[in-house]
């Protein structure tokens, strides 16, 4: 998008945009509509740490911010639940 003075501003990476709206205890929803967990907190600059008490195996799992499609009342992912869980 052109900025004042004719410069072109680089778009923000999706991860930094997505991270700004992610809050603790938000539900994380896969692309197929399946709930895959609840946000524990952001871990570093590029991952969501899921709460272990919402995990089927009682362990913390991580979701890359690059997989976030959008954030509203929930965190919506671009990946379906089987693909998300396969990364654990």
C-alpha atoms as a PDB file:
ATOM      1  CA  UNK A   1       0.000   0.000   0.000  1.00  0.00           C
ATOM      2  CA  UNK A   2       1.510   3.372  -0.936  1.00  0.00           C
ATOM      3  CA  UNK A   3       2.478   5.558   1.972  1.00  0.00           C
ATOM      4  CA  UNK A   4       2.816   9.317   2.018  1.00  0.00           C
ATOM      5  CA  UNK A   5       5.700  10.396  -0.203  1.00  0.00           C
ATOM      6  CA  UNK A   6       5.248   7.470  -2.612  1.00  0.00           C
ATOM      7  CA  UNK A   7       6.970   4.868  -0.429  1.00  0.00           C
ATOM      8  CA  UNK A   8       5.559   1.379  -0.386  1.00  0.00           C
ATOM      9  CA  UNK A   9       5.096  -0.044   3.089  1.00  0.00           C
ATOM     10  CA  UNK A  10       5.789  -3.722   3.534  1.00  0.00           C
ATOM     11  CA  UNK A  11       2.770  -5.611   4.875  1.00  0.00           C
ATOM     12  CA  UNK A  12       3.047  -6.851   8.424  1.00  0.00           C
ATOM     13  CA  UNK A  13       3.696 -10.559   8.728  1.00  0.00           C
ATOM     14  CA  UNK A  14       0.529 -12.445   9.680  1.00  0.00           C
ATOM     15  CA  UNK A  15       2.075 -13.650  12.930  1.00  0.00           C
ATOM     16  CA  UNK A  16       2.538 -10.178  14.417  1.00  0.00           C
ATOM     17  CA  UNK A  17      -0.964  -9.130  13.374  1.00  0.00           C
ATOM     18  CA  UNK A  18      -2.508 -12.322  14.737  1.00  0.00           C
ATOM     19  CA  UNK A  19      -0.582 -12.168  17.987  1.00  0.00           C
ATOM     20  CA  UNK A  20      -1.948  -8.759  18.903  1.00  0.00           C
ATOM     21  CA  UNK A  21      -5.484 -10.124  19.390  1.00  0.00           C
ATOM     22  CA  UNK A  22      -4.669 -13.422  21.084  1.00  0.00           C
ATOM     23  CA  UNK A  23      -5.484 -13.601  24.777  1.00  0.00           C
ATOM     24  CA  UNK A  24      -5.068 -16.262  27.445  1.00  0.00           C
ATOM     25  CA  UNK A  25      -7.975 -18.727  27.695  1.00  0.00           C
ATOM     26  CA  UNK A  26      -9.219 -18.121  24.131  1.00  0.00           C
ATOM     27  CA  UNK A  27     -10.406 -21.259  22.383  1.00  0.00           C
ATOM     28  CA  UNK A  28      -8.336 -22.376  19.404  1.00  0.00           C
ATOM     29  CA  UNK A  29     -10.468 -23.658  16.520  1.00  0.00           C
ATOM     30  CA  UNK A  30      -9.076 -25.641  13.583  1.00  0.00           C
ATOM     31  CA  UNK A  31     -10.131 -24.922   9.982  1.00  0.00           C
ATOM     32  CA  UNK A  32     -12.587 -27.825  10.097  1.00  0.00           C
ATOM     33  CA  UNK A  33     -14.395 -26.308  13.113  1.00  0.00           C
ATOM     34  CA  UNK A  34     -12.861 -28.660  15.679  1.00  0.00           C
ATOM     35  CA  UNK A  35     -11.691 -27.165  18.961  1.00  0.00           C
ATOM     36  CA  UNK A  36      -8.031 -28.115  19.424  1.00  0.00           C
ATOM     37  CA  UNK A  37      -7.311 -26.386  22.716  1.00  0.00           C
ATOM     38  CA  UNK A  38      -7.220 -23.214  24.756  1.00  0.00           C
ATOM     39  CA  UNK A  39      -4.502 -20.565  24.728  1.00  0.00           C
ATOM     40  CA  UNK A  40      -2.212 -20.780  27.748  1.00  0.00           C
ATOM     41  CA  UNK A  41      -0.014 -17.926  26.490  1.00  0.00           C
ATOM     42  CA  UNK A  42       2.106 -16.774  23.568  1.00  0.00           C
ATOM     43  CA  UNK A  43       5.485 -18.457  23.619  1.00  0.00           C
ATOM     44  CA  UNK A  44       8.145 -16.299  22.067  1.00  0.00           C
ATOM     45  CA  UNK A  45       7.292 -14.387  18.918  1.00  0.00           C
ATOM     46  CA  UNK A  46       5.947 -17.222  16.823  1.00  0.00           C
ATOM     47  CA  UNK A  47       4.021 -19.816  18.831  1.00  0.00           C
ATOM     48  CA  UNK A  48       0.858 -20.261  20.848  1.00  0.00           C
ATOM     49  CA  UNK A  49       1.253 -22.518  23.861  1.00  0.00           C
ATOM     50  CA  UNK A  50      -1.945 -24.452  24.515  1.00  0.00           C
ATOM     51  CA  UNK A  51      -3.112 -25.174  28.049  1.00  0.00           C
ATOM     52  CA  UNK A  52      -2.351 -28.723  29.138  1.00  0.00           C
ATOM     53  CA  UNK A  53      -5.662 -29.075  30.988  1.00  0.00           C
ATOM     54  CA  UNK A  54      -7.484 -28.844  27.616  1.00  0.00           C
ATOM     55  CA  UNK A  55      -5.220 -31.365  25.911  1.00  0.00           C
ATOM     56  CA  UNK A  56      -6.311 -34.994  25.475  1.00  0.00           C
ATOM     57  CA  UNK A  57      -2.929 -36.200  26.774  1.00  0.00           C
ATOM     58  CA  UNK A  58      -2.577 -33.613  29.561  1.00  0.00           C
ATOM     59  CA  UNK A  59       0.521 -32.029  28.001  1.00  0.00           C
ATOM     60  CA  UNK A  60       1.258 -28.571  26.622  1.00  0.00           C
ATOM     61  CA  UNK A  61       1.253 -28.357  22.829  1.00  0.00           C
ATOM     62  CA  UNK A  62       2.283 -25.556  20.491  1.00  0.00           C
ATOM     63  CA  UNK A  63       0.684 -24.022  17.410  1.00  0.00           C
ATOM     64  CA  UNK A  64       2.713 -21.763  15.092  1.00  0.00           C
ATOM     65  CA  UNK A  65       1.319 -18.246  14.714  1.00  0.00           C
ATOM     66  CA  UNK A  66       1.772 -18.731  10.967  1.00  0.00           C
ATOM     67  CA  UNK A  67      -1.230 -21.097  11.135  1.00  0.00           C
ATOM     68  CA  UNK A  68      -3.565 -18.402  12.489  1.00  0.00           C
ATOM     69  CA  UNK A  69      -6.167 -17.362   9.928  1.00  0.00           C
ATOM     70  CA  UNK A  70      -7.936 -14.773  12.065  1.00  0.00           C
ATOM     71  CA  UNK A  71      -8.811 -13.877  15.634  1.00  0.00           C
ATOM     72  CA  UNK A  72     -12.229 -12.850  16.910  1.00  0.00           C
ATOM     73  CA  UNK A  73     -13.665 -14.328  20.107  1.00  0.00           C
ATOM     74  CA  UNK A  74     -11.574 -17.404  19.209  1.00  0.00           C
ATOM     75  CA  UNK A  75      -8.292 -18.126  17.480  1.00  0.00           C
ATOM     76  CA  UNK A  76      -9.090 -19.645  14.066  1.00  0.00           C
ATOM     77  CA  UNK A  77      -6.454 -21.733  12.310  1.00  0.00           C
ATOM     78  CA  UNK A  78      -5.773 -22.428   8.633  1.00  0.00           C
ATOM     79  CA  UNK A  79      -5.094 -26.114   9.354  1.00  0.00           C
ATOM     80  CA  UNK A  80      -7.614 -28.884  10.055  1.00  0.00           C
ATOM     81  CA  UNK A  81      -7.519 -30.623  13.447  1.00  0.00           C
ATOM     82  CA  UNK A  82      -5.800 -33.825  12.216  1.00  0.00           C
ATOM     83  CA  UNK A  83      -2.939 -31.792  10.737  1.00  0.00           C
ATOM     84  CA  UNK A  84      -2.630 -29.675  13.892  1.00  0.00           C
ATOM     85  CA  UNK A  85      -2.535 -32.754  16.142  1.00  0.00           C
ATOM     86  CA  UNK A  86      -0.076 -34.533  13.831  1.00  0.00           C
ATOM     87  CA  UNK A  87       2.441 -31.766  14.574  1.00  0.00           C
ATOM     88  CA  UNK A  88       2.311 -32.550  18.297  1.00  0.00           C
END
